[in-house]
Amino acid sequence: MESGTRVFLLSPASSAGRRAQLLMRDAAAFPLALRVREADAPLEEVFTFLSGLYFRGKVAYARAFAQPPPGVAPAYVITSSRGLIPFDEPVTISVLREFAAVPIGTESRAFVDALLRTALALDRRIDSATQLVLLGSIATGKYVEPLVRVFGDRLRFPAEFVGRGDMSRGGLMLRCADDRRELRYIVVDAGPRRGPRPPRLEPRPARRRG
């Protein structure tokens, strides 16, 4: 892999789905729901609960391979209403409800404005050699178009993502984090965004616990 600083941008989990409704129920009393009410749950943990394997893979991969400049988080999560948020920033029920109320897409002015604003703020804190690696879908422009406007050819994505679905990407990133094997990054605006589905990941034996 190329040397230099590297920051990851993680696509969001849905804050309007069934698991989000379960988390935000007034009567919810499981540990994560209580921690969210106390503003003691980081965004990465909440979105992992909402999304499962895919987001867990993104977090593990970013933790394994980020090389952020001083004062910059290893990874930022794309959100619907607040743009890029450090993945370890605590969130509350009211913030999750705000996320659920704002659609994600280039047709959503609130989403695009927040993403551009926070991307520009991040750009002022990094140098021209820092790579921004998007761990998310590049098949549509909903994240890509605003981010390319700010970061240009510094915005990369894993070439091995092309043709894979979310679950396959999540499993691939978990394996890479475990094996300390980094993926190959290509420029978002220059590489193919769609392609044939690659072979399925071969199953691995379950790890022994204890």
N, C-alpha and C. Protein backbone atom coordinates (compact mmCIF):
# COMPACT_ATOMS: atom_id res chain seq x y z
N MET A 1 0.83 -1.21 0.00
CA MET A 1 0.00 0.00 0.00
C MET A 1 0.87 1.26 0.00
N GLU A 2 0.31 2.32 -0.50
CA GLU A 2 1.03 3.58 -0.51
C GLU A 2 1.24 4.07 0.91
N SER A 3 2.39 4.72 1.13
CA SER A 3 2.66 5.29 2.44
C SER A 3 1.94 6.63 2.55
N GLY A 4 1.93 7.19 3.75
CA GLY A 4 1.28 8.48 3.96
C GLY A 4 0.08 8.35 4.86
N THR A 5 -0.56 9.49 5.11
CA THR A 5 -1.71 9.49 6.01
C THR A 5 -2.97 9.04 5.28
N ARG A 6 -3.84 8.38 6.05
CA ARG A 6 -5.06 7.80 5.47
C ARG A 6 -6.19 7.88 6.49
N VAL A 7 -7.33 8.37 6.05
CA VAL A 7 -8.52 8.49 6.89
C VAL A 7 -9.66 7.77 6.18
N PHE A 8 -10.49 7.08 6.94
CA PHE A 8 -11.59 6.32 6.34
C PHE A 8 -12.91 7.07 6.53
N LEU A 9 -13.75 6.98 5.51
CA LEU A 9 -15.10 7.55 5.54
C LEU A 9 -16.07 6.39 5.43
N LEU A 10 -16.92 6.22 6.44
CA LEU A 10 -17.80 5.07 6.53
C LEU A 10 -19.22 5.46 6.14
N SER A 11 -19.81 4.69 5.24
CA SER A 11 -21.21 4.95 4.89
C SER A 11 -22.11 4.63 6.08
N PRO A 12 -23.29 5.24 6.16
CA PRO A 12 -24.12 5.13 7.37
C PRO A 12 -24.95 3.87 7.42
N ALA A 13 -25.41 3.57 8.61
CA ALA A 13 -26.47 2.59 8.81
C ALA A 13 -27.82 3.32 8.81
N SER A 14 -28.88 2.61 8.53
CA SER A 14 -30.21 3.23 8.52
C SER A 14 -30.67 3.50 9.95
N SER A 15 -31.11 4.74 10.17
CA SER A 15 -31.67 5.10 11.48
C SER A 15 -33.19 5.04 11.47
N ALA A 16 -33.76 4.48 10.42
CA ALA A 16 -35.22 4.42 10.30
C ALA A 16 -35.74 2.99 10.22
N GLY A 17 -34.87 2.01 10.36
CA GLY A 17 -35.28 0.63 10.24
C GLY A 17 -35.80 0.03 11.53
N ARG A 18 -36.07 -1.29 11.48
CA ARG A 18 -36.66 -1.97 12.63
C ARG A 18 -35.74 -1.95 13.84
N ARG A 19 -34.45 -2.17 13.64
CA ARG A 19 -33.54 -2.19 14.78
C ARG A 19 -33.40 -0.79 15.39
N ALA A 20 -33.48 0.25 14.56
CA ALA A 20 -33.43 1.61 15.09
C ALA A 20 -34.67 1.89 15.94
N GLN A 21 -35.82 1.45 15.47
CA GLN A 21 -37.05 1.64 16.25
C GLN A 21 -36.98 0.91 17.58
N LEU A 22 -36.38 -0.27 17.57
CA LEU A 22 -36.20 -1.03 18.80
C LEU A 22 -35.30 -0.27 19.76
N LEU A 23 -34.23 0.29 19.25
CA LEU A 23 -33.28 1.02 20.09
C LEU A 23 -33.90 2.29 20.68
N MET A 24 -34.77 2.95 19.92
CA MET A 24 -35.31 4.24 20.34
C MET A 24 -36.63 4.14 21.10
N ARG A 25 -37.14 2.93 21.29
CA ARG A 25 -38.39 2.78 22.04
C ARG A 25 -38.22 3.33 23.45
N ASP A 26 -39.23 4.01 23.93
CA ASP A 26 -39.17 4.57 25.29
C ASP A 26 -38.99 3.47 26.33
N ALA A 27 -39.54 2.28 26.06
CA ALA A 27 -39.47 1.20 27.03
C ALA A 27 -38.21 0.34 26.90
N ALA A 28 -37.36 0.64 25.91
CA ALA A 28 -36.17 -0.19 25.70
C ALA A 28 -35.25 -0.13 26.93
N ALA A 29 -34.89 -1.29 27.44
CA ALA A 29 -34.09 -1.34 28.67
C ALA A 29 -32.83 -2.18 28.52
N PHE A 30 -32.47 -2.58 27.29
CA PHE A 30 -31.24 -3.35 27.13
C PHE A 30 -30.04 -2.38 27.22
N PRO A 31 -28.85 -2.89 27.49
CA PRO A 31 -27.71 -2.03 27.84
C PRO A 31 -27.41 -0.92 26.83
N LEU A 32 -27.41 -1.23 25.54
CA LEU A 32 -27.06 -0.18 24.58
C LEU A 32 -28.10 0.92 24.57
N ALA A 33 -29.38 0.57 24.66
CA ALA A 33 -30.43 1.59 24.69
C ALA A 33 -30.27 2.52 25.89
N LEU A 34 -29.92 1.96 27.03
CA LEU A 34 -29.71 2.78 28.22
C LEU A 34 -28.49 3.68 28.05
N ARG A 35 -27.44 3.16 27.43
CA ARG A 35 -26.24 3.97 27.23
C ARG A 35 -26.50 5.10 26.25
N VAL A 36 -27.30 4.85 25.21
CA VAL A 36 -27.64 5.92 24.28
C VAL A 36 -28.38 7.03 25.00
N ARG A 37 -29.29 6.67 25.90
CA ARG A 37 -30.03 7.69 26.66
C ARG A 37 -29.11 8.51 27.55
N GLU A 38 -27.99 7.93 27.95
CA GLU A 38 -27.03 8.63 28.81
C GLU A 38 -25.91 9.27 28.00
N ALA A 39 -26.03 9.29 26.66
CA ALA A 39 -25.00 9.83 25.77
C ALA A 39 -23.66 9.17 26.02
N ASP A 40 -23.68 7.86 26.24
CA ASP A 40 -22.48 7.11 26.57
C ASP A 40 -22.20 6.03 25.53
N ALA A 41 -22.84 6.11 24.37
CA ALA A 41 -22.64 5.10 23.32
C ALA A 41 -22.07 5.78 22.07
N PRO A 42 -20.88 5.37 21.61
CA PRO A 42 -20.31 5.99 20.42
C PRO A 42 -21.07 5.61 19.16
N LEU A 43 -21.00 6.48 18.18
CA LEU A 43 -21.71 6.26 16.93
C LEU A 43 -21.35 4.92 16.29
N GLU A 44 -20.09 4.54 16.34
CA GLU A 44 -19.67 3.27 15.73
C GLU A 44 -20.40 2.07 16.37
N GLU A 45 -20.61 2.10 17.66
CA GLU A 45 -21.30 1.01 18.33
C GLU A 45 -22.78 1.00 18.01
N VAL A 46 -23.38 2.18 17.96
CA VAL A 46 -24.80 2.28 17.65
C VAL A 46 -25.07 1.81 16.23
N PHE A 47 -24.26 2.28 15.27
CA PHE A 47 -24.49 1.89 13.87
C PHE A 47 -24.15 0.42 13.64
N THR A 48 -23.23 -0.14 14.40
CA THR A 48 -22.97 -1.58 14.31
C THR A 48 -24.21 -2.35 14.75
N PHE A 49 -24.88 -1.90 15.80
CA PHE A 49 -26.12 -2.54 16.23
C PHE A 49 -27.19 -2.42 15.14
N LEU A 50 -27.26 -1.28 14.48
CA LEU A 50 -28.29 -1.06 13.46
C LEU A 50 -28.01 -1.85 12.19
N SER A 51 -26.74 -2.03 11.85
CA SER A 51 -26.38 -2.60 10.55
C SER A 51 -25.81 -4.00 10.62
N GLY A 52 -25.19 -4.37 11.74
CA GLY A 52 -24.65 -5.72 11.88
C GLY A 52 -23.29 -5.88 11.22
N LEU A 53 -23.13 -7.00 10.49
CA LEU A 53 -21.83 -7.41 9.96
C LEU A 53 -21.17 -6.33 9.10
N TYR A 54 -21.93 -5.68 8.25
CA TYR A 54 -21.33 -4.72 7.33
C TYR A 54 -20.64 -3.59 8.08
N PHE A 55 -21.33 -2.99 9.04
CA PHE A 55 -20.72 -1.87 9.75
C PHE A 55 -19.62 -2.35 10.70
N ARG A 56 -19.80 -3.52 11.28
CA ARG A 56 -18.74 -4.07 12.15
C ARG A 56 -17.47 -4.27 11.34
N GLY A 57 -17.60 -4.74 10.10
CA GLY A 57 -16.44 -4.89 9.24
C GLY A 57 -15.77 -3.56 8.94
N LYS A 58 -16.57 -2.53 8.68
CA LYS A 58 -16.00 -1.22 8.38
C LYS A 58 -15.22 -0.68 9.56
N VAL A 59 -15.77 -0.81 10.76
CA VAL A 59 -15.09 -0.31 11.96
C VAL A 59 -13.78 -1.06 12.20
N ALA A 60 -13.83 -2.39 12.12
CA ALA A 60 -12.63 -3.19 12.36
C ALA A 60 -11.55 -2.86 11.34
N TYR A 61 -11.94 -2.71 10.08
CA TYR A 61 -10.97 -2.41 9.04
C TYR A 61 -10.36 -1.02 9.24
N ALA A 62 -11.19 -0.04 9.54
CA ALA A 62 -10.68 1.32 9.76
C ALA A 62 -9.72 1.36 10.94
N ARG A 63 -10.06 0.67 12.02
CA ARG A 63 -9.17 0.65 13.18
C ARG A 63 -7.83 -0.01 12.85
N ALA A 64 -7.87 -1.01 11.97
CA ALA A 64 -6.65 -1.74 11.65
C ALA A 64 -5.71 -0.94 10.74
N PHE A 65 -6.27 -0.13 9.84
CA PHE A 65 -5.42 0.43 8.78
C PHE A 65 -5.41 1.96 8.67
N ALA A 66 -6.14 2.66 9.51
CA ALA A 66 -6.11 4.12 9.45
C ALA A 66 -4.74 4.65 9.86
N GLN A 67 -4.33 5.71 9.18
CA GLN A 67 -3.10 6.42 9.52
C GLN A 67 -3.41 7.92 9.50
N PRO A 68 -4.18 8.39 10.49
CA PRO A 68 -4.64 9.78 10.43
C PRO A 68 -3.53 10.77 10.80
N PRO A 69 -3.63 11.98 10.27
CA PRO A 69 -2.73 13.04 10.72
C PRO A 69 -3.04 13.41 12.17
N PRO A 70 -2.13 14.09 12.84
CA PRO A 70 -2.39 14.51 14.23
C PRO A 70 -3.68 15.34 14.33
N GLY A 71 -4.48 15.03 15.34
CA GLY A 71 -5.69 15.79 15.60
C GLY A 71 -6.87 15.42 14.74
N VAL A 72 -6.72 14.39 13.90
CA VAL A 72 -7.80 13.95 13.01
C VAL A 72 -8.20 12.54 13.42
N ALA A 73 -9.51 12.26 13.41
CA ALA A 73 -9.99 10.93 13.79
C ALA A 73 -9.58 9.90 12.73
N PRO A 74 -9.42 8.63 13.12
CA PRO A 74 -9.10 7.59 12.14
C PRO A 74 -10.20 7.39 11.12
N ALA A 75 -11.46 7.60 11.54
CA ALA A 75 -12.59 7.35 10.64
C ALA A 75 -13.73 8.30 10.98
N TYR A 76 -14.47 8.67 9.94
CA TYR A 76 -15.66 9.52 10.08
C TYR A 76 -16.83 8.80 9.43
N VAL A 77 -18.00 8.93 10.06
CA VAL A 77 -19.20 8.31 9.54
C VAL A 77 -20.02 9.36 8.79
N ILE A 78 -20.49 9.00 7.61
CA ILE A 78 -21.41 9.86 6.87
C ILE A 78 -22.78 9.76 7.52
N THR A 79 -23.37 10.89 7.87
CA THR A 79 -24.70 10.89 8.47
C THR A 79 -25.66 11.71 7.62
N SER A 80 -26.92 11.53 7.84
CA SER A 80 -27.92 12.18 6.98
C SER A 80 -28.02 13.68 7.21
N SER A 81 -27.88 14.13 8.46
CA SER A 81 -28.16 15.53 8.77
C SER A 81 -26.96 16.30 9.31
N ARG A 82 -25.88 15.59 9.70
CA ARG A 82 -24.74 16.27 10.30
C ARG A 82 -23.44 16.01 9.56
N GLY A 83 -23.54 15.48 8.37
CA GLY A 83 -22.34 15.26 7.57
C GLY A 83 -21.42 14.23 8.17
N LEU A 84 -20.13 14.52 8.17
CA LEU A 84 -19.12 13.60 8.69
C LEU A 84 -18.94 13.78 10.19
N ILE A 85 -19.09 12.69 10.93
CA ILE A 85 -18.94 12.71 12.38
C ILE A 85 -17.88 11.68 12.76
N PRO A 86 -16.93 12.02 13.66
CA PRO A 86 -15.97 11.02 14.11
C PRO A 86 -16.66 9.77 14.61
N PHE A 87 -16.14 8.61 14.26
CA PHE A 87 -16.87 7.36 14.54
C PHE A 87 -16.96 7.03 16.02
N ASP A 88 -16.15 7.70 16.86
CA ASP A 88 -16.21 7.44 18.29
C ASP A 88 -16.98 8.51 19.05
N GLU A 89 -17.68 9.39 18.33
CA GLU A 89 -18.44 10.46 18.99
C GLU A 89 -19.75 9.90 19.56
N PRO A 90 -20.08 10.19 20.82
CA PRO A 90 -21.33 9.68 21.39
C PRO A 90 -22.55 10.30 20.69
N VAL A 91 -23.62 9.50 20.61
CA VAL A 91 -24.87 9.99 20.05
C VAL A 91 -26.01 9.76 21.04
N THR A 92 -27.08 10.49 20.85
CA THR A 92 -28.24 10.39 21.73
C THR A 92 -29.46 9.97 20.93
N ILE A 93 -30.53 9.66 21.63
CA ILE A 93 -31.79 9.30 20.98
C ILE A 93 -32.27 10.44 20.08
N SER A 94 -32.17 11.66 20.54
CA SER A 94 -32.66 12.80 19.75
C SER A 94 -31.85 12.94 18.45
N VAL A 95 -30.56 12.67 18.51
CA VAL A 95 -29.74 12.74 17.30
C VAL A 95 -30.12 11.63 16.33
N LEU A 96 -30.37 10.42 16.84
CA LEU A 96 -30.80 9.32 15.98
C LEU A 96 -32.14 9.63 15.32
N ARG A 97 -33.04 10.23 16.05
CA ARG A 97 -34.33 10.62 15.46
C ARG A 97 -34.15 11.68 14.39
N GLU A 98 -33.20 12.56 14.61
CA GLU A 98 -32.87 13.57 13.59
C GLU A 98 -32.33 12.90 12.34
N PHE A 99 -31.43 11.93 12.51
CA PHE A 99 -30.91 11.19 11.36
C PHE A 99 -32.05 10.53 10.57
N ALA A 100 -32.98 9.93 11.30
CA ALA A 100 -34.07 9.19 10.65
C ALA A 100 -34.99 10.11 9.84
N ALA A 101 -35.03 11.38 10.20
CA ALA A 101 -35.96 12.30 9.55
C ALA A 101 -35.42 12.92 8.27
N VAL A 102 -34.13 12.75 8.01
CA VAL A 102 -33.51 13.39 6.85
C VAL A 102 -33.10 12.32 5.84
N PRO A 103 -33.61 12.38 4.61
CA PRO A 103 -33.23 11.38 3.60
C PRO A 103 -31.79 11.58 3.13
N ILE A 104 -31.18 10.47 2.70
CA ILE A 104 -29.82 10.50 2.18
C ILE A 104 -29.87 10.39 0.66
N GLY A 105 -29.27 11.35 -0.01
CA GLY A 105 -29.25 11.33 -1.47
C GLY A 105 -28.94 12.71 -2.01
N THR A 106 -28.50 12.78 -3.24
CA THR A 106 -28.14 14.07 -3.81
C THR A 106 -29.33 15.00 -3.99
N GLU A 107 -30.55 14.44 -3.92
CA GLU A 107 -31.75 15.27 -4.02
C GLU A 107 -32.12 15.91 -2.68
N SER A 108 -31.44 15.52 -1.60
CA SER A 108 -31.72 16.05 -0.26
C SER A 108 -30.75 17.20 0.03
N ARG A 109 -31.25 18.40 0.03
CA ARG A 109 -30.40 19.58 0.25
C ARG A 109 -29.75 19.53 1.63
N ALA A 110 -30.50 19.11 2.64
CA ALA A 110 -29.96 19.07 4.00
C ALA A 110 -28.78 18.10 4.08
N PHE A 111 -28.93 16.94 3.44
CA PHE A 111 -27.84 15.96 3.45
C PHE A 111 -26.61 16.48 2.73
N VAL A 112 -26.79 17.00 1.52
CA VAL A 112 -25.65 17.45 0.73
C VAL A 112 -24.95 18.63 1.40
N ASP A 113 -25.72 19.59 1.91
CA ASP A 113 -25.11 20.77 2.54
C ASP A 113 -24.27 20.37 3.76
N ALA A 114 -24.81 19.47 4.58
CA ALA A 114 -24.07 19.04 5.78
C ALA A 114 -22.81 18.27 5.39
N LEU A 115 -22.93 17.40 4.39
CA LEU A 115 -21.77 16.62 3.97
C LEU A 115 -20.68 17.51 3.39
N LEU A 116 -21.07 18.47 2.55
CA LEU A 116 -20.08 19.39 1.99
C LEU A 116 -19.43 20.24 3.07
N ARG A 117 -20.22 20.74 3.98
CA ARG A 117 -19.69 21.61 5.04
C ARG A 117 -18.64 20.88 5.88
N THR A 118 -18.97 19.67 6.31
CA THR A 118 -18.04 18.93 7.17
C THR A 118 -16.85 18.37 6.39
N ALA A 119 -17.06 18.04 5.12
CA ALA A 119 -15.94 17.59 4.30
C ALA A 119 -14.94 18.73 4.09
N LEU A 120 -15.44 19.93 3.86
CA LEU A 120 -14.54 21.08 3.71
C LEU A 120 -13.80 21.36 5.02
N ALA A 121 -14.48 21.20 6.15
CA ALA A 121 -13.82 21.40 7.44
C ALA A 121 -12.72 20.37 7.65
N LEU A 122 -12.97 19.11 7.27
CA LEU A 122 -11.95 18.08 7.37
C LEU A 122 -10.79 18.37 6.42
N ASP A 123 -11.11 18.83 5.22
CA ASP A 123 -10.08 19.13 4.23
C ASP A 123 -9.11 20.19 4.74
N ARG A 124 -9.59 21.12 5.55
CA ARG A 124 -8.71 22.16 6.08
C ARG A 124 -7.76 21.62 7.13
N ARG A 125 -8.03 20.42 7.65
CA ARG A 125 -7.21 19.85 8.72
C ARG A 125 -6.22 18.80 8.22
N ILE A 126 -6.25 18.50 6.93
CA ILE A 126 -5.36 17.51 6.36
C ILE A 126 -4.56 18.14 5.22
N ASP A 127 -3.49 17.46 4.82
CA ASP A 127 -2.71 18.01 3.72
C ASP A 127 -3.10 17.33 2.40
N SER A 128 -2.47 17.76 1.35
CA SER A 128 -2.85 17.30 0.01
C SER A 128 -2.45 15.86 -0.24
N ALA A 129 -1.61 15.27 0.63
CA ALA A 129 -1.19 13.88 0.44
C ALA A 129 -2.07 12.88 1.18
N THR A 130 -2.97 13.36 2.03
CA THR A 130 -3.83 12.46 2.80
C THR A 130 -4.89 11.83 1.92
N GLN A 131 -4.98 10.51 1.99
CA GLN A 131 -6.02 9.79 1.26
C GLN A 131 -7.28 9.70 2.11
N LEU A 132 -8.44 9.82 1.47
CA LEU A 132 -9.73 9.59 2.09
C LEU A 132 -10.30 8.33 1.45
N VAL A 133 -10.45 7.26 2.21
CA VAL A 133 -10.89 5.98 1.66
C VAL A 133 -12.34 5.74 2.06
N LEU A 134 -13.21 5.65 1.07
CA LEU A 134 -14.64 5.45 1.31
C LEU A 134 -14.93 3.96 1.47
N LEU A 135 -15.43 3.60 2.64
CA LEU A 135 -15.90 2.23 2.87
C LEU A 135 -17.42 2.26 2.79
N GLY A 136 -17.91 2.09 1.60
CA GLY A 136 -19.35 2.18 1.35
C GLY A 136 -19.63 2.01 -0.12
N SER A 137 -20.87 2.18 -0.50
CA SER A 137 -21.28 1.98 -1.87
C SER A 137 -20.76 3.10 -2.77
N ILE A 138 -20.18 2.70 -3.90
CA ILE A 138 -19.75 3.69 -4.88
C ILE A 138 -20.53 3.52 -6.19
N ALA A 139 -21.52 2.62 -6.17
CA ALA A 139 -22.30 2.37 -7.38
C ALA A 139 -23.25 3.52 -7.70
N THR A 140 -23.66 4.28 -6.68
CA THR A 140 -24.50 5.45 -6.89
C THR A 140 -23.74 6.69 -6.45
N GLY A 141 -24.27 7.86 -6.80
CA GLY A 141 -23.56 9.09 -6.50
C GLY A 141 -23.91 9.73 -5.18
N LYS A 142 -24.76 9.08 -4.37
CA LYS A 142 -25.29 9.79 -3.20
C LYS A 142 -24.22 10.22 -2.21
N TYR A 143 -23.17 9.42 -2.03
CA TYR A 143 -22.05 9.85 -1.20
C TYR A 143 -20.94 10.41 -2.08
N VAL A 144 -20.74 9.77 -3.22
CA VAL A 144 -19.55 10.02 -4.02
C VAL A 144 -19.53 11.45 -4.57
N GLU A 145 -20.64 11.92 -5.13
CA GLU A 145 -20.62 13.21 -5.81
C GLU A 145 -20.22 14.36 -4.87
N PRO A 146 -20.83 14.50 -3.69
CA PRO A 146 -20.38 15.59 -2.82
C PRO A 146 -18.93 15.44 -2.35
N LEU A 147 -18.51 14.20 -2.07
CA LEU A 147 -17.16 13.99 -1.56
C LEU A 147 -16.10 14.25 -2.63
N VAL A 148 -16.38 13.87 -3.88
CA VAL A 148 -15.44 14.14 -4.96
C VAL A 148 -15.28 15.63 -5.18
N ARG A 149 -16.35 16.39 -4.97
CA ARG A 149 -16.27 17.84 -5.13
C ARG A 149 -15.25 18.45 -4.18
N VAL A 150 -15.08 17.84 -3.02
CA VAL A 150 -14.15 18.38 -2.02
C VAL A 150 -12.76 17.73 -2.14
N PHE A 151 -12.72 16.40 -2.25
CA PHE A 151 -11.45 15.69 -2.13
C PHE A 151 -10.83 15.29 -3.47
N GLY A 152 -11.57 15.37 -4.55
CA GLY A 152 -11.02 15.05 -5.86
C GLY A 152 -10.45 13.64 -5.91
N ASP A 153 -9.26 13.51 -6.52
CA ASP A 153 -8.69 12.17 -6.69
C ASP A 153 -8.03 11.63 -5.42
N ARG A 154 -8.14 12.38 -4.32
CA ARG A 154 -7.70 11.82 -3.03
C ARG A 154 -8.74 10.87 -2.47
N LEU A 155 -9.97 10.91 -3.02
CA LEU A 155 -11.02 10.01 -2.56
C LEU A 155 -10.84 8.66 -3.24
N ARG A 156 -10.61 7.63 -2.44
CA ARG A 156 -10.35 6.29 -2.96
C ARG A 156 -11.40 5.32 -2.42
N PHE A 157 -11.40 4.11 -2.97
CA PHE A 157 -12.22 3.04 -2.43
C PHE A 157 -11.52 1.72 -2.72
N PRO A 158 -11.83 0.66 -1.95
CA PRO A 158 -11.19 -0.63 -2.19
C PRO A 158 -11.65 -1.23 -3.52
N ALA A 159 -10.69 -1.55 -4.38
CA ALA A 159 -11.02 -2.14 -5.67
C ALA A 159 -11.80 -3.45 -5.50
N GLU A 160 -11.53 -4.17 -4.41
CA GLU A 160 -12.18 -5.46 -4.18
C GLU A 160 -13.66 -5.32 -3.83
N PHE A 161 -14.15 -4.11 -3.63
CA PHE A 161 -15.58 -3.89 -3.35
C PHE A 161 -16.44 -4.05 -4.60
N VAL A 162 -15.86 -3.84 -5.78
CA VAL A 162 -16.66 -3.85 -7.01
C VAL A 162 -17.33 -5.21 -7.19
N GLY A 163 -18.64 -5.20 -7.35
CA GLY A 163 -19.40 -6.41 -7.56
C GLY A 163 -19.87 -7.10 -6.29
N ARG A 164 -19.40 -6.68 -5.13
CA ARG A 164 -19.79 -7.33 -3.88
C ARG A 164 -20.98 -6.64 -3.24
N GLY A 165 -21.83 -7.41 -2.57
CA GLY A 165 -22.91 -6.85 -1.77
C GLY A 165 -22.40 -6.47 -0.39
N ASP A 166 -23.29 -5.88 0.40
CA ASP A 166 -22.89 -5.38 1.72
C ASP A 166 -22.34 -6.47 2.63
N MET A 167 -23.01 -7.61 2.69
CA MET A 167 -22.57 -8.66 3.59
C MET A 167 -21.20 -9.20 3.18
N SER A 168 -20.99 -9.34 1.88
CA SER A 168 -19.70 -9.81 1.40
C SER A 168 -18.59 -8.81 1.73
N ARG A 169 -18.89 -7.53 1.59
CA ARG A 169 -17.90 -6.51 1.93
C ARG A 169 -17.57 -6.55 3.42
N GLY A 170 -18.61 -6.70 4.24
CA GLY A 170 -18.38 -6.77 5.68
C GLY A 170 -17.49 -7.94 6.06
N GLY A 171 -17.79 -9.11 5.50
CA GLY A 171 -16.98 -10.28 5.79
C GLY A 171 -15.55 -10.12 5.31
N LEU A 172 -15.39 -9.53 4.12
CA LEU A 172 -14.05 -9.31 3.57
C LEU A 172 -13.24 -8.38 4.47
N MET A 173 -13.85 -7.31 4.95
CA MET A 173 -13.11 -6.36 5.79
C MET A 173 -12.74 -6.98 7.13
N LEU A 174 -13.61 -7.79 7.70
CA LEU A 174 -13.27 -8.45 8.96
C LEU A 174 -12.08 -9.38 8.76
N ARG A 175 -12.07 -10.12 7.67
CA ARG A 175 -10.94 -11.02 7.40
C ARG A 175 -9.65 -10.24 7.22
N CYS A 176 -9.74 -9.15 6.47
CA CYS A 176 -8.54 -8.35 6.24
C CYS A 176 -8.00 -7.75 7.54
N ALA A 177 -8.90 -7.30 8.41
CA ALA A 177 -8.47 -6.75 9.70
C ALA A 177 -7.80 -7.84 10.54
N ASP A 178 -8.39 -9.04 10.55
CA ASP A 178 -7.81 -10.16 11.30
C ASP A 178 -6.44 -10.56 10.75
N ASP A 179 -6.33 -10.57 9.42
CA ASP A 179 -5.10 -11.04 8.77
C ASP A 179 -4.07 -9.93 8.60
N ARG A 180 -4.43 -8.71 8.95
CA ARG A 180 -3.57 -7.55 8.72
C ARG A 180 -3.20 -7.45 7.24
N ARG A 181 -4.18 -7.66 6.39
CA ARG A 181 -3.98 -7.61 4.94
C ARG A 181 -4.83 -6.47 4.38
N GLU A 182 -4.15 -5.44 3.93
CA GLU A 182 -4.87 -4.27 3.46
C GLU A 182 -5.31 -4.44 2.01
N LEU A 183 -6.46 -3.89 1.69
CA LEU A 183 -7.00 -3.95 0.34
C LEU A 183 -6.30 -2.93 -0.56
N ARG A 184 -6.59 -3.01 -1.84
CA ARG A 184 -5.98 -2.11 -2.82
C ARG A 184 -6.95 -0.96 -3.11
N TYR A 185 -6.49 0.27 -2.99
CA TYR A 185 -7.36 1.42 -3.15
C TYR A 185 -7.16 2.05 -4.53
N ILE A 186 -8.27 2.42 -5.14
CA ILE A 186 -8.21 3.11 -6.43
C ILE A 186 -9.04 4.39 -6.35
N VAL A 187 -8.74 5.31 -7.25
CA VAL A 187 -9.43 6.60 -7.26
C VAL A 187 -10.90 6.40 -7.62
N VAL A 188 -11.80 6.94 -6.81
CA VAL A 188 -13.23 6.75 -7.02
C VAL A 188 -13.66 7.24 -8.39
N ASP A 189 -13.18 8.41 -8.78
CA ASP A 189 -13.66 9.03 -10.01
C ASP A 189 -12.99 8.47 -11.26
N ALA A 190 -12.08 7.50 -11.09
CA ALA A 190 -11.39 6.95 -12.25
C ALA A 190 -11.60 5.46 -12.43
N GLY A 191 -11.97 4.75 -11.35
CA GLY A 191 -12.09 3.30 -11.42
C GLY A 191 -13.51 2.86 -11.73
N PRO A 192 -13.69 1.59 -12.08
CA PRO A 192 -15.04 1.05 -12.33
C PRO A 192 -15.84 1.00 -11.03
N ARG A 193 -17.13 1.34 -11.11
CA ARG A 193 -17.98 1.31 -9.93
C ARG A 193 -18.87 0.08 -9.88
N ARG A 194 -18.97 -0.60 -11.00
CA ARG A 194 -19.77 -1.83 -11.07
C ARG A 194 -18.96 -2.90 -11.79
N GLY A 195 -19.25 -4.14 -11.49
CA GLY A 195 -18.54 -5.22 -12.14
C GLY A 195 -19.18 -6.55 -11.81
N PRO A 196 -18.64 -7.63 -12.35
CA PRO A 196 -19.20 -8.96 -12.06
C PRO A 196 -19.01 -9.32 -10.60
N ARG A 197 -19.91 -10.14 -10.08
CA ARG A 197 -19.81 -10.56 -8.69
C ARG A 197 -18.61 -11.49 -8.53
N PRO A 198 -17.72 -11.20 -7.59
CA PRO A 198 -16.56 -12.07 -7.38
C PRO A 198 -16.97 -13.36 -6.68
N PRO A 199 -16.08 -14.36 -6.64
CA PRO A 199 -16.41 -15.61 -5.95
C PRO A 199 -16.73 -15.36 -4.48
N ARG A 200 -17.59 -16.20 -3.93
CA ARG A 200 -17.94 -16.08 -2.51
C ARG A 200 -16.73 -16.35 -1.65
N LEU A 201 -16.68 -15.70 -0.49
CA LEU A 201 -15.60 -15.95 0.46
C LEU A 201 -15.70 -17.38 0.97
N GLU A 202 -14.58 -18.06 1.02
CA GLU A 202 -14.57 -19.41 1.56
C GLU A 202 -14.81 -19.36 3.07
N PRO A 203 -15.66 -20.24 3.60
CA PRO A 203 -15.89 -20.23 5.05
C PRO A 203 -14.63 -20.58 5.81
N ARG A 204 -14.52 -19.98 6.98
CA ARG A 204 -13.39 -20.27 7.86
C ARG A 204 -13.90 -21.00 9.08
N PRO A 205 -13.06 -21.86 9.67
CA PRO A 205 -13.49 -22.54 10.90
C PRO A 205 -13.74 -21.54 12.01
N ALA A 206 -14.74 -21.85 12.84
CA ALA A 206 -15.07 -20.96 13.95
C ALA A 206 -13.91 -20.91 14.93
N ARG A 207 -13.68 -19.72 15.49
CA ARG A 207 -12.63 -19.58 16.49
C ARG A 207 -13.03 -20.19 17.81
N ARG A 208 -12.07 -20.77 18.46
CA ARG A 208 -12.33 -21.28 19.80
C ARG A 208 -12.27 -20.15 20.80
N ARG A 209 -13.15 -20.19 21.72
CA ARG A 209 -13.18 -19.17 22.78
C ARG A 209 -12.60 -19.75 24.07
N GLY A 210 -12.04 -18.86 24.85
CA GLY A 210 -11.49 -19.31 26.13
C GLY A 210 -10.00 -19.23 26.17
